[in-house]
Amino acid sequence: MKEKDSIFLTKLGSQILQIRLSKSLSQEDVSFRCDVDRAKISKLETGSANCNITTLAELAKGLDVTLKELLDFS
């Protein structure tokens, strides 16, 4: 994996984690809400997995944020 991809995935994972924690949700809660496997959510939060735009849209829905809010990190 290219370094810039790794950096992006780490930032995305941190954003997912921060949003989830700010809403006092567990990984299981989010998994249930968006039908994404809890293990996948864990890997995404640590930046160790990639996903497609459909999964991101489902995560945003499960976290009750827009896709734009989910991807709004620097």
Protein backbone atom coordinates (compact mmCIF):
# COMPACT_ATOMS: atom_id res chain seq x y z
CA MET A 1 0.00 0.00 0.00
CA LYS A 2 1.28 3.46 -0.84
CA GLU A 3 2.12 5.74 2.06
CA LYS A 4 -0.45 8.38 1.03
CA ASP A 5 -3.15 5.68 0.92
CA SER A 6 -2.14 4.49 4.37
CA ILE A 7 -2.29 8.04 5.74
CA PHE A 8 -5.75 8.56 4.21
CA LEU A 9 -7.09 5.30 5.67
CA THR A 10 -5.68 6.17 9.10
CA LYS A 11 -7.36 9.60 9.01
CA LEU A 12 -10.63 8.08 7.82
CA GLY A 13 -10.47 5.49 10.60
CA SER A 14 -9.87 8.17 13.21
CA GLN A 15 -12.85 10.11 11.89
CA ILE A 16 -15.11 7.05 12.07
CA LEU A 17 -13.93 6.34 15.62
CA GLN A 18 -14.39 9.95 16.79
CA ILE A 19 -17.91 10.16 15.38
CA ARG A 20 -18.86 6.79 16.87
CA LEU A 21 -17.54 7.71 20.31
CA SER A 22 -19.14 11.18 20.21
CA LYS A 23 -22.49 9.41 19.79
CA SER A 24 -21.72 6.87 22.55
CA LEU A 25 -22.09 3.97 20.13
CA SER A 26 -20.27 0.66 20.26
CA GLN A 27 -18.92 -1.01 17.15
CA GLU A 28 -21.75 -3.52 17.51
CA ASP A 29 -24.32 -0.70 17.59
CA VAL A 30 -22.95 0.72 14.35
CA SER A 31 -22.72 -2.75 12.81
CA PHE A 32 -26.38 -3.38 13.57
CA ARG A 33 -27.45 0.03 12.24
CA CYS A 34 -25.62 -0.23 8.92
CA ASP A 35 -25.25 -3.98 8.31
CA VAL A 36 -21.46 -3.82 8.15
CA ASP A 37 -19.57 -6.52 10.03
CA ARG A 38 -18.20 -5.39 13.41
CA ALA A 39 -14.76 -6.76 12.55
CA LYS A 40 -14.76 -4.65 9.36
CA ILE A 41 -15.64 -1.55 11.39
CA SER A 42 -12.75 -2.32 13.74
CA LYS A 43 -10.33 -2.66 10.82
CA LEU A 44 -11.60 0.57 9.26
CA GLU A 45 -11.18 2.46 12.54
CA THR A 46 -7.56 1.35 12.82
CA GLY A 47 -6.82 2.19 9.19
CA SER A 48 -5.95 -1.42 8.39
CA ALA A 49 -8.73 -1.95 5.84
CA ASN A 50 -10.06 -0.21 2.78
CA CYS A 51 -13.69 -0.12 1.68
CA ASN A 52 -15.84 0.99 -1.20
CA ILE A 53 -18.09 4.03 -1.41
CA THR A 54 -21.20 1.94 -0.74
CA THR A 55 -19.78 0.80 2.59
CA LEU A 56 -18.87 4.40 3.47
CA ALA A 57 -22.42 5.48 2.67
CA GLU A 58 -23.81 2.72 4.90
CA LEU A 59 -21.43 3.71 7.71
CA ALA A 60 -22.48 7.34 7.43
CA LYS A 61 -26.11 6.26 7.67
CA GLY A 62 -25.35 4.07 10.68
CA LEU A 63 -23.51 6.92 12.38
CA ASP A 64 -26.33 9.35 11.50
CA VAL A 65 -24.04 11.72 9.59
CA THR A 66 -23.78 12.68 5.95
CA LEU A 67 -21.14 11.13 3.74
CA LYS A 68 -19.62 14.60 3.47
CA GLU A 69 -19.34 14.83 7.28
CA LEU A 70 -17.75 11.38 7.41
CA LEU A 71 -15.11 12.41 4.88
CA ASP A 72 -14.53 15.90 6.30
CA PHE A 73 -11.13 15.50 7.92
CA SER A 74 -7.73 17.02 7.29
